[in-house]
Amino acid sequence: MEKVDEVEVRSVEHAITLAKYLFGESFFDKIEAKERNKMIESEETIRIKIPKGFNPELDKSKIIKQGKHHRVIEVEAKIDTGALRSSIDENLARELGLLAEDKILYYRHYKSALGKNIERPVIGLTFWIKGKKIVTAVNVANREGLRTRFLIGRKDLNGFLISAKVING
């Protein structure tokens, strides 16, 4: 279980949202243990749920599904078993309307490689990989210059087998 002592809870609704994104997925994984493991590559196309109505100028070619209250887009993601938590590029999160204050669950403090203290937002996010729905808390970080704008950490990889096949790029 992750340490959440320092997380400020703003309201009952915020507490429920925190619990859902931080603890909900692993509970359901235990209940659905019969589900077969799915093979994934080191890079996969995922589908991300985003709020409807935000950023109407979002490239329409990215939107693959329109619901009543949300839209779904596809994004390339890197699988990284060395990372605990998944991470989304800050610019992508902003473009998709995921950095609004009411979407931020809390701020996480990190030390950079140079020893500087860094504060990053953590947001609640729903995404699908190989048809499996993942409801999780995701770090927001600058992934500019990296090959993918989304990284999936091991917390969100339960039930998957990862292929060791090398991808050229």
N, C-alpha and C. Protein backbone atom coordinates (compact mmCIF):
# COMPACT_ATOMS: atom_id res chain seq x y z
N MET A 1 0.85 -1.18 0.00
CA MET A 1 0.00 0.00 0.00
C MET A 1 0.89 1.24 0.00
N GLU A 2 0.49 2.21 -0.79
CA GLU A 2 1.27 3.43 -0.90
C GLU A 2 1.06 4.32 0.32
N LYS A 3 2.09 5.11 0.62
CA LYS A 3 1.99 6.05 1.73
C LYS A 3 1.19 7.27 1.27
N VAL A 4 0.08 7.54 1.96
CA VAL A 4 -0.77 8.67 1.59
C VAL A 4 -1.00 9.60 2.77
N ASP A 5 -0.15 9.51 3.78
CA ASP A 5 -0.32 10.32 4.98
C ASP A 5 -0.33 11.81 4.69
N GLU A 6 0.47 12.24 3.72
CA GLU A 6 0.64 13.67 3.48
C GLU A 6 -0.37 14.24 2.49
N VAL A 7 -1.29 13.43 2.01
CA VAL A 7 -2.27 13.90 1.04
C VAL A 7 -3.37 14.67 1.76
N GLU A 8 -3.60 15.89 1.29
CA GLU A 8 -4.64 16.74 1.87
C GLU A 8 -5.99 16.38 1.24
N VAL A 9 -6.96 16.00 2.07
CA VAL A 9 -8.29 15.66 1.58
C VAL A 9 -9.16 16.90 1.70
N ARG A 10 -9.68 17.37 0.55
CA ARG A 10 -10.42 18.62 0.50
C ARG A 10 -11.90 18.48 0.86
N SER A 11 -12.47 17.29 0.63
CA SER A 11 -13.89 17.08 0.91
C SER A 11 -14.16 15.58 0.91
N VAL A 12 -15.38 15.20 1.28
CA VAL A 12 -15.76 13.79 1.26
C VAL A 12 -15.69 13.26 -0.18
N GLU A 13 -16.19 14.05 -1.14
CA GLU A 13 -16.13 13.64 -2.55
C GLU A 13 -14.68 13.43 -2.99
N HIS A 14 -13.79 14.33 -2.56
CA HIS A 14 -12.38 14.21 -2.91
C HIS A 14 -11.80 12.93 -2.30
N ALA A 15 -12.17 12.60 -1.06
CA ALA A 15 -11.69 11.39 -0.40
C ALA A 15 -12.14 10.14 -1.16
N ILE A 16 -13.38 10.13 -1.61
CA ILE A 16 -13.90 9.00 -2.38
C ILE A 16 -13.16 8.87 -3.71
N THR A 17 -12.94 10.00 -4.37
CA THR A 17 -12.21 10.00 -5.64
C THR A 17 -10.79 9.48 -5.43
N LEU A 18 -10.11 9.94 -4.38
CA LEU A 18 -8.76 9.46 -4.07
C LEU A 18 -8.76 7.94 -3.87
N ALA A 19 -9.69 7.45 -3.07
CA ALA A 19 -9.75 6.01 -2.79
C ALA A 19 -9.98 5.21 -4.07
N LYS A 20 -10.85 5.71 -4.92
CA LYS A 20 -11.16 5.03 -6.18
C LYS A 20 -9.92 4.89 -7.05
N TYR A 21 -9.18 5.99 -7.22
CA TYR A 21 -8.03 5.96 -8.11
C TYR A 21 -6.80 5.31 -7.48
N LEU A 22 -6.66 5.38 -6.17
CA LEU A 22 -5.47 4.82 -5.53
C LEU A 22 -5.60 3.35 -5.17
N PHE A 23 -6.81 2.92 -4.78
CA PHE A 23 -6.96 1.57 -4.25
C PHE A 23 -7.95 0.69 -5.01
N GLY A 24 -8.79 1.27 -5.83
CA GLY A 24 -9.87 0.52 -6.48
C GLY A 24 -9.41 -0.57 -7.42
N GLU A 25 -8.44 -0.30 -8.27
CA GLU A 25 -8.05 -1.26 -9.30
C GLU A 25 -7.51 -2.56 -8.72
N SER A 26 -6.64 -2.48 -7.72
CA SER A 26 -6.06 -3.71 -7.19
C SER A 26 -7.12 -4.58 -6.52
N PHE A 27 -8.14 -3.98 -5.92
CA PHE A 27 -9.23 -4.75 -5.32
C PHE A 27 -9.96 -5.54 -6.39
N PHE A 28 -10.29 -4.88 -7.49
CA PHE A 28 -11.01 -5.56 -8.56
C PHE A 28 -10.14 -6.59 -9.25
N ASP A 29 -8.83 -6.36 -9.31
CA ASP A 29 -7.93 -7.36 -9.88
C ASP A 29 -8.00 -8.65 -9.09
N LYS A 30 -8.08 -8.56 -7.77
CA LYS A 30 -8.16 -9.76 -6.94
C LYS A 30 -9.46 -10.51 -7.17
N ILE A 31 -10.55 -9.77 -7.33
CA ILE A 31 -11.85 -10.40 -7.57
C ILE A 31 -11.87 -11.10 -8.92
N GLU A 32 -11.25 -10.48 -9.92
CA GLU A 32 -11.27 -11.02 -11.28
C GLU A 32 -9.99 -11.79 -11.59
N ALA A 33 -9.47 -12.53 -10.62
CA ALA A 33 -8.21 -13.25 -10.79
C ALA A 33 -8.29 -14.33 -11.85
N LYS A 34 -9.49 -14.76 -12.20
CA LYS A 34 -9.67 -15.80 -13.20
C LYS A 34 -9.34 -15.30 -14.61
N GLU A 35 -9.34 -13.99 -14.78
CA GLU A 35 -9.10 -13.41 -16.10
C GLU A 35 -7.73 -13.83 -16.62
N ARG A 36 -7.66 -14.19 -17.90
CA ARG A 36 -6.40 -14.62 -18.49
C ARG A 36 -5.43 -13.44 -18.64
N ASN A 37 -4.15 -13.75 -18.52
CA ASN A 37 -3.13 -12.73 -18.78
C ASN A 37 -3.08 -12.43 -20.27
N LYS A 38 -2.92 -11.16 -20.61
CA LYS A 38 -2.83 -10.75 -22.01
C LYS A 38 -1.39 -10.33 -22.29
N MET A 39 -0.92 -10.68 -23.48
CA MET A 39 0.44 -10.32 -23.89
C MET A 39 0.42 -8.90 -24.45
N ILE A 40 1.36 -8.08 -23.99
CA ILE A 40 1.51 -6.73 -24.52
C ILE A 40 2.96 -6.52 -24.94
N GLU A 41 3.16 -5.59 -25.87
CA GLU A 41 4.50 -5.25 -26.35
C GLU A 41 5.07 -4.13 -25.48
N SER A 42 6.32 -3.77 -25.71
CA SER A 42 6.95 -2.71 -24.92
C SER A 42 6.37 -1.34 -25.26
N GLU A 43 5.69 -1.22 -26.39
CA GLU A 43 4.91 -0.03 -26.73
C GLU A 43 3.55 -0.49 -27.22
N GLU A 44 2.51 0.18 -26.75
CA GLU A 44 1.13 -0.18 -27.09
C GLU A 44 0.32 1.07 -27.34
N THR A 45 -0.72 0.93 -28.16
CA THR A 45 -1.69 2.01 -28.33
C THR A 45 -2.74 1.84 -27.26
N ILE A 46 -2.98 2.90 -26.49
CA ILE A 46 -4.00 2.86 -25.44
C ILE A 46 -5.09 3.86 -25.77
N ARG A 47 -6.22 3.71 -25.11
CA ARG A 47 -7.34 4.65 -25.25
C ARG A 47 -7.52 5.36 -23.92
N ILE A 48 -7.58 6.69 -23.97
CA ILE A 48 -7.72 7.51 -22.76
C ILE A 48 -9.07 8.20 -22.78
N LYS A 49 -9.76 8.15 -21.64
CA LYS A 49 -11.05 8.84 -21.46
C LYS A 49 -10.76 10.29 -21.06
N ILE A 50 -11.37 11.23 -21.79
CA ILE A 50 -11.18 12.65 -21.49
C ILE A 50 -12.53 13.34 -21.37
N PRO A 51 -12.60 14.48 -20.65
CA PRO A 51 -13.88 15.18 -20.48
C PRO A 51 -14.39 15.70 -21.82
N LYS A 52 -15.69 15.56 -22.04
CA LYS A 52 -16.29 16.08 -23.27
C LYS A 52 -16.45 17.59 -23.16
N GLY A 53 -16.34 18.25 -24.29
CA GLY A 53 -16.55 19.68 -24.32
C GLY A 53 -15.29 20.48 -24.09
N PHE A 54 -14.25 19.84 -23.58
CA PHE A 54 -13.01 20.58 -23.38
C PHE A 54 -12.22 20.61 -24.68
N ASN A 55 -11.61 21.74 -24.95
CA ASN A 55 -10.74 21.92 -26.10
C ASN A 55 -11.40 21.45 -27.40
N PRO A 56 -12.41 22.20 -27.85
CA PRO A 56 -13.11 21.80 -29.08
C PRO A 56 -12.20 21.79 -30.30
N GLU A 57 -11.03 22.43 -30.21
CA GLU A 57 -10.10 22.45 -31.34
C GLU A 57 -9.14 21.26 -31.33
N LEU A 58 -9.36 20.33 -30.38
CA LEU A 58 -8.55 19.12 -30.35
C LEU A 58 -8.67 18.43 -31.70
N ASP A 59 -7.56 18.01 -32.23
CA ASP A 59 -7.53 17.36 -33.54
C ASP A 59 -8.58 16.24 -33.58
N LYS A 60 -9.58 16.41 -34.44
CA LYS A 60 -10.70 15.46 -34.53
C LYS A 60 -10.23 14.06 -34.89
N SER A 61 -9.09 13.94 -35.57
CA SER A 61 -8.61 12.62 -35.96
C SER A 61 -8.17 11.80 -34.74
N LYS A 62 -7.89 12.48 -33.63
CA LYS A 62 -7.47 11.77 -32.42
C LYS A 62 -8.66 11.16 -31.67
N ILE A 63 -9.86 11.75 -31.85
CA ILE A 63 -11.04 11.29 -31.12
C ILE A 63 -11.59 10.05 -31.80
N ILE A 64 -11.69 8.94 -31.05
CA ILE A 64 -12.19 7.72 -31.65
C ILE A 64 -13.58 7.34 -31.16
N LYS A 65 -14.03 8.00 -30.08
CA LYS A 65 -15.36 7.69 -29.55
C LYS A 65 -15.89 8.93 -28.84
N GLN A 66 -17.19 9.21 -29.03
CA GLN A 66 -17.86 10.32 -28.35
C GLN A 66 -18.96 9.73 -27.48
N GLY A 67 -18.89 9.96 -26.18
CA GLY A 67 -19.95 9.56 -25.27
C GLY A 67 -20.75 10.79 -24.87
N LYS A 68 -21.73 10.59 -24.00
CA LYS A 68 -22.56 11.71 -23.55
C LYS A 68 -21.74 12.71 -22.74
N HIS A 69 -20.85 12.21 -21.88
CA HIS A 69 -20.08 13.08 -20.98
C HIS A 69 -18.57 13.02 -21.19
N HIS A 70 -18.12 12.20 -22.12
CA HIS A 70 -16.68 12.07 -22.33
C HIS A 70 -16.36 11.70 -23.77
N ARG A 71 -15.08 11.81 -24.10
CA ARG A 71 -14.56 11.37 -25.39
C ARG A 71 -13.41 10.40 -25.12
N VAL A 72 -13.05 9.63 -26.12
CA VAL A 72 -11.94 8.70 -26.00
C VAL A 72 -10.96 8.97 -27.14
N ILE A 73 -9.69 9.05 -26.80
CA ILE A 73 -8.65 9.24 -27.81
C ILE A 73 -7.63 8.11 -27.71
N GLU A 74 -6.85 7.94 -28.78
CA GLU A 74 -5.78 6.94 -28.78
C GLU A 74 -4.43 7.64 -28.65
N VAL A 75 -3.55 7.02 -27.87
CA VAL A 75 -2.20 7.55 -27.62
C VAL A 75 -1.24 6.37 -27.57
N GLU A 76 -0.03 6.58 -28.08
CA GLU A 76 1.01 5.56 -27.97
C GLU A 76 1.60 5.63 -26.56
N ALA A 77 1.81 4.46 -25.95
CA ALA A 77 2.35 4.41 -24.58
C ALA A 77 3.52 3.43 -24.51
N LYS A 78 4.46 3.76 -23.66
CA LYS A 78 5.60 2.88 -23.39
C LYS A 78 5.32 2.09 -22.12
N ILE A 79 5.63 0.81 -22.14
CA ILE A 79 5.49 -0.03 -20.96
C ILE A 79 6.82 0.03 -20.21
N ASP A 80 6.78 0.36 -18.92
CA ASP A 80 8.01 0.52 -18.14
C ASP A 80 7.84 -0.14 -16.78
N THR A 81 8.34 -1.36 -16.65
CA THR A 81 8.22 -2.08 -15.38
C THR A 81 9.14 -1.49 -14.31
N GLY A 82 10.04 -0.61 -14.69
CA GLY A 82 10.91 0.06 -13.72
C GLY A 82 10.23 1.22 -13.02
N ALA A 83 9.12 1.69 -13.59
CA ALA A 83 8.36 2.79 -12.99
C ALA A 83 7.20 2.20 -12.19
N LEU A 84 6.97 2.70 -11.00
CA LEU A 84 5.85 2.22 -10.20
C LEU A 84 4.53 2.70 -10.78
N ARG A 85 4.42 3.99 -10.99
CA ARG A 85 3.16 4.60 -11.40
C ARG A 85 3.24 5.06 -12.85
N SER A 86 2.11 5.06 -13.52
CA SER A 86 2.03 5.56 -14.89
C SER A 86 2.22 7.07 -14.91
N SER A 87 2.59 7.59 -16.08
CA SER A 87 2.90 9.01 -16.21
C SER A 87 2.40 9.51 -17.57
N ILE A 88 1.84 10.72 -17.57
CA ILE A 88 1.37 11.35 -18.80
C ILE A 88 2.13 12.65 -19.01
N ASP A 89 2.40 12.97 -20.26
CA ASP A 89 3.09 14.21 -20.59
C ASP A 89 2.26 15.41 -20.16
N GLU A 90 2.92 16.39 -19.57
CA GLU A 90 2.24 17.59 -19.06
C GLU A 90 1.49 18.33 -20.17
N ASN A 91 2.11 18.50 -21.33
CA ASN A 91 1.45 19.20 -22.43
C ASN A 91 0.23 18.44 -22.94
N LEU A 92 0.34 17.11 -23.03
CA LEU A 92 -0.80 16.29 -23.45
C LEU A 92 -1.93 16.40 -22.43
N ALA A 93 -1.60 16.30 -21.15
CA ALA A 93 -2.63 16.41 -20.10
C ALA A 93 -3.34 17.75 -20.17
N ARG A 94 -2.59 18.81 -20.39
CA ARG A 94 -3.18 20.15 -20.50
C ARG A 94 -4.09 20.22 -21.74
N GLU A 95 -3.61 19.72 -22.88
CA GLU A 95 -4.36 19.72 -24.13
C GLU A 95 -5.69 18.96 -23.99
N LEU A 96 -5.69 17.91 -23.18
CA LEU A 96 -6.88 17.08 -23.01
C LEU A 96 -7.81 17.56 -21.89
N GLY A 97 -7.43 18.62 -21.19
CA GLY A 97 -8.27 19.14 -20.12
C GLY A 97 -8.15 18.38 -18.82
N LEU A 98 -7.04 17.68 -18.63
CA LEU A 98 -6.87 16.85 -17.44
C LEU A 98 -6.13 17.55 -16.30
N LEU A 99 -5.68 18.80 -16.54
CA LEU A 99 -4.95 19.52 -15.49
C LEU A 99 -5.80 20.59 -14.80
N ALA A 100 -7.10 20.56 -15.02
CA ALA A 100 -7.98 21.48 -14.29
C ALA A 100 -7.87 21.16 -12.80
N GLU A 101 -7.98 22.17 -11.96
CA GLU A 101 -7.77 21.99 -10.51
C GLU A 101 -8.66 20.88 -9.93
N ASP A 102 -9.89 20.75 -10.43
CA ASP A 102 -10.79 19.72 -9.89
C ASP A 102 -10.40 18.31 -10.36
N LYS A 103 -9.49 18.20 -11.32
CA LYS A 103 -9.03 16.89 -11.80
C LYS A 103 -7.77 16.42 -11.06
N ILE A 104 -7.08 17.35 -10.39
CA ILE A 104 -5.84 17.01 -9.69
C ILE A 104 -6.19 16.39 -8.34
N LEU A 105 -5.70 15.16 -8.12
CA LEU A 105 -5.96 14.46 -6.86
C LEU A 105 -5.10 15.02 -5.74
N TYR A 106 -3.81 15.18 -6.01
CA TYR A 106 -2.87 15.73 -5.04
C TYR A 106 -1.56 16.05 -5.77
N TYR A 107 -0.62 16.63 -5.04
CA TYR A 107 0.70 16.92 -5.59
C TYR A 107 1.71 16.01 -4.91
N ARG A 108 2.61 15.44 -5.70
CA ARG A 108 3.63 14.54 -5.18
C ARG A 108 4.98 15.23 -5.22
N HIS A 109 5.76 15.08 -4.18
CA HIS A 109 7.08 15.71 -4.10
C HIS A 109 8.16 14.70 -4.47
N TYR A 110 9.06 15.11 -5.35
CA TYR A 110 10.16 14.28 -5.82
C TYR A 110 11.47 15.03 -5.68
N LYS A 111 12.56 14.29 -5.70
CA LYS A 111 13.89 14.89 -5.80
C LYS A 111 14.41 14.57 -7.19
N SER A 112 14.88 15.59 -7.89
CA SER A 112 15.44 15.38 -9.22
C SER A 112 16.82 14.74 -9.10
N ALA A 113 17.38 14.34 -10.23
CA ALA A 113 18.72 13.77 -10.24
C ALA A 113 19.75 14.77 -9.73
N LEU A 114 19.42 16.06 -9.83
CA LEU A 114 20.33 17.11 -9.35
C LEU A 114 20.05 17.49 -7.89
N GLY A 115 19.11 16.80 -7.25
CA GLY A 115 18.81 17.06 -5.85
C GLY A 115 17.78 18.14 -5.60
N LYS A 116 17.18 18.69 -6.67
CA LYS A 116 16.15 19.72 -6.50
C LYS A 116 14.82 19.08 -6.13
N ASN A 117 14.06 19.78 -5.29
CA ASN A 117 12.71 19.31 -4.95
C ASN A 117 11.76 19.70 -6.07
N ILE A 118 10.99 18.74 -6.54
CA ILE A 118 10.04 18.96 -7.63
C ILE A 118 8.66 18.53 -7.15
N GLU A 119 7.66 19.35 -7.48
CA GLU A 119 6.28 19.02 -7.13
C GLU A 119 5.52 18.73 -8.43
N ARG A 120 4.94 17.52 -8.51
CA ARG A 120 4.19 17.14 -9.71
C ARG A 120 2.75 16.82 -9.35
N PRO A 121 1.81 17.23 -10.21
CA PRO A 121 0.41 16.86 -9.97
C PRO A 121 0.19 15.38 -10.25
N VAL A 122 -0.73 14.80 -9.52
CA VAL A 122 -1.19 13.43 -9.77
C VAL A 122 -2.68 13.54 -10.08
N ILE A 123 -3.08 12.98 -11.23
CA ILE A 123 -4.47 13.09 -11.67
C ILE A 123 -5.12 11.71 -11.73
N GLY A 124 -6.44 11.69 -11.58
CA GLY A 124 -7.19 10.46 -11.79
C GLY A 124 -7.41 10.28 -13.29
N LEU A 125 -7.23 9.06 -13.78
CA LEU A 125 -7.34 8.81 -15.21
C LEU A 125 -7.91 7.42 -15.46
N THR A 126 -8.72 7.32 -16.50
CA THR A 126 -9.21 6.03 -16.96
C THR A 126 -8.65 5.79 -18.36
N PHE A 127 -8.03 4.63 -18.54
CA PHE A 127 -7.56 4.26 -19.87
C PHE A 127 -7.77 2.77 -20.10
N TRP A 128 -7.71 2.37 -21.37
CA TRP A 128 -7.88 0.98 -21.75
C TRP A 128 -6.63 0.52 -22.50
N ILE A 129 -6.16 -0.68 -22.15
CA ILE A 129 -5.06 -1.30 -22.88
C ILE A 129 -5.48 -2.73 -23.19
N LYS A 130 -5.42 -3.09 -24.47
CA LYS A 130 -5.85 -4.42 -24.93
C LYS A 130 -7.26 -4.74 -24.43
N GLY A 131 -8.13 -3.74 -24.38
CA GLY A 131 -9.52 -3.94 -23.98
C GLY A 131 -9.76 -3.94 -22.47
N LYS A 132 -8.70 -3.91 -21.67
CA LYS A 132 -8.86 -3.91 -20.21
C LYS A 132 -8.91 -2.47 -19.70
N LYS A 133 -9.94 -2.17 -18.92
CA LYS A 133 -10.12 -0.83 -18.36
C LYS A 133 -9.24 -0.69 -17.12
N ILE A 134 -8.47 0.40 -17.08
CA ILE A 134 -7.60 0.71 -15.95
C ILE A 134 -8.04 2.06 -15.37
N VAL A 135 -8.41 2.08 -14.10
CA VAL A 135 -8.76 3.31 -13.39
C VAL A 135 -7.63 3.53 -12.38
N THR A 136 -6.91 4.65 -12.53
CA THR A 136 -5.68 4.79 -11.77
C THR A 136 -5.33 6.25 -11.49
N ALA A 137 -4.32 6.46 -10.67
CA ALA A 137 -3.74 7.78 -10.44
C ALA A 137 -2.45 7.84 -11.25
N VAL A 138 -2.26 8.94 -12.00
CA VAL A 138 -1.16 9.07 -12.94
C VAL A 138 -0.35 10.32 -12.63
N ASN A 139 0.99 10.19 -12.62
CA ASN A 139 1.87 11.36 -12.47
C ASN A 139 1.83 12.19 -13.74
N VAL A 140 1.93 13.49 -13.59
CA VAL A 140 2.04 14.40 -14.73
C VAL A 140 3.49 14.89 -14.76
N ALA A 141 4.17 14.64 -15.89
CA ALA A 141 5.59 15.00 -15.99
C ALA A 141 5.90 15.51 -17.39
N ASN A 142 7.01 16.19 -17.51
CA ASN A 142 7.46 16.66 -18.82
C ASN A 142 8.10 15.49 -19.56
N ARG A 143 7.43 14.99 -20.59
CA ARG A 143 7.95 13.89 -21.40
C ARG A 143 8.36 14.39 -22.79
N GLU A 144 8.54 15.71 -22.90
CA GLU A 144 8.95 16.31 -24.17
C GLU A 144 10.29 15.71 -24.60
N GLY A 145 10.38 15.38 -25.86
CA GLY A 145 11.62 14.81 -26.38
C GLY A 145 11.70 13.30 -26.24
N LEU A 146 10.74 12.70 -25.55
CA LEU A 146 10.71 11.24 -25.43
C LEU A 146 9.83 10.67 -26.54
N ARG A 147 10.00 9.39 -26.83
CA ARG A 147 9.29 8.77 -27.95
C ARG A 147 7.78 8.70 -27.73
N THR A 148 7.33 8.51 -26.51
CA THR A 148 5.89 8.43 -26.23
C THR A 148 5.50 9.47 -25.20
N ARG A 149 4.24 9.87 -25.23
CA ARG A 149 3.73 10.89 -24.31
C ARG A 149 3.05 10.26 -23.09
N PHE A 150 3.05 8.93 -23.02
CA PHE A 150 2.42 8.23 -21.91
C PHE A 150 3.30 7.03 -21.56
N LEU A 151 3.47 6.80 -20.27
CA LEU A 151 4.25 5.68 -19.78
C LEU A 151 3.38 4.88 -18.83
N ILE A 152 3.34 3.58 -18.99
CA ILE A 152 2.54 2.73 -18.10
C ILE A 152 3.48 2.03 -17.13
N GLY A 153 3.30 2.31 -15.83
CA GLY A 153 4.12 1.71 -14.79
C GLY A 153 3.55 0.39 -14.31
N ARG A 154 4.33 -0.31 -13.49
CA ARG A 154 3.96 -1.68 -13.09
C ARG A 154 2.69 -1.76 -12.26
N LYS A 155 2.31 -0.69 -11.57
CA LYS A 155 1.07 -0.70 -10.79
C LYS A 155 -0.14 -0.98 -11.69
N ASP A 156 -0.06 -0.55 -12.95
CA ASP A 156 -1.18 -0.70 -13.88
C ASP A 156 -0.99 -1.86 -14.84
N LEU A 157 -0.02 -2.73 -14.57
CA LEU A 157 0.27 -3.84 -15.48
C LEU A 157 -0.17 -5.20 -14.96
N ASN A 158 -0.90 -5.23 -13.84
CA ASN A 158 -1.38 -6.51 -13.31
C ASN A 158 -2.24 -7.21 -14.36
N GLY A 159 -1.99 -8.50 -14.54
CA GLY A 159 -2.77 -9.28 -15.50
C GLY A 159 -2.20 -9.27 -16.91
N PHE A 160 -1.04 -8.65 -17.11
CA PHE A 160 -0.43 -8.61 -18.43
C PHE A 160 0.92 -9.31 -18.42
N LEU A 161 1.24 -9.95 -19.53
CA LEU A 161 2.58 -10.47 -19.77
C LEU A 161 3.23 -9.54 -20.77
N ILE A 162 4.49 -9.19 -20.56
CA ILE A 162 5.16 -8.22 -21.42
C ILE A 162 6.16 -8.94 -22.32
N SER A 163 5.99 -8.75 -23.61
CA SER A 163 6.86 -9.37 -24.61
C SER A 163 8.25 -8.75 -24.52
N ALA A 164 9.27 -9.57 -24.72
CA ALA A 164 10.65 -9.08 -24.71
C ALA A 164 11.12 -8.72 -26.12
N LYS A 165 10.22 -8.78 -27.09
CA LYS A 165 10.56 -8.47 -28.48
C LYS A 165 11.06 -7.03 -28.59
N VAL A 166 12.17 -6.83 -29.30
CA VAL A 166 12.76 -5.50 -29.47
C VAL A 166 12.00 -4.74 -30.54
N ILE A 167 11.66 -3.47 -30.23
CA ILE A 167 10.98 -2.60 -31.19
C ILE A 167 11.99 -1.58 -31.67
N ASN A 168 12.20 -1.51 -32.98
CA ASN A 168 13.14 -0.53 -33.55
C ASN A 168 12.49 0.83 -33.56
N GLY A 169 13.25 1.86 -33.29
CA GLY A 169 12.67 3.20 -33.30
C GLY A 169 13.67 4.17 -32.93
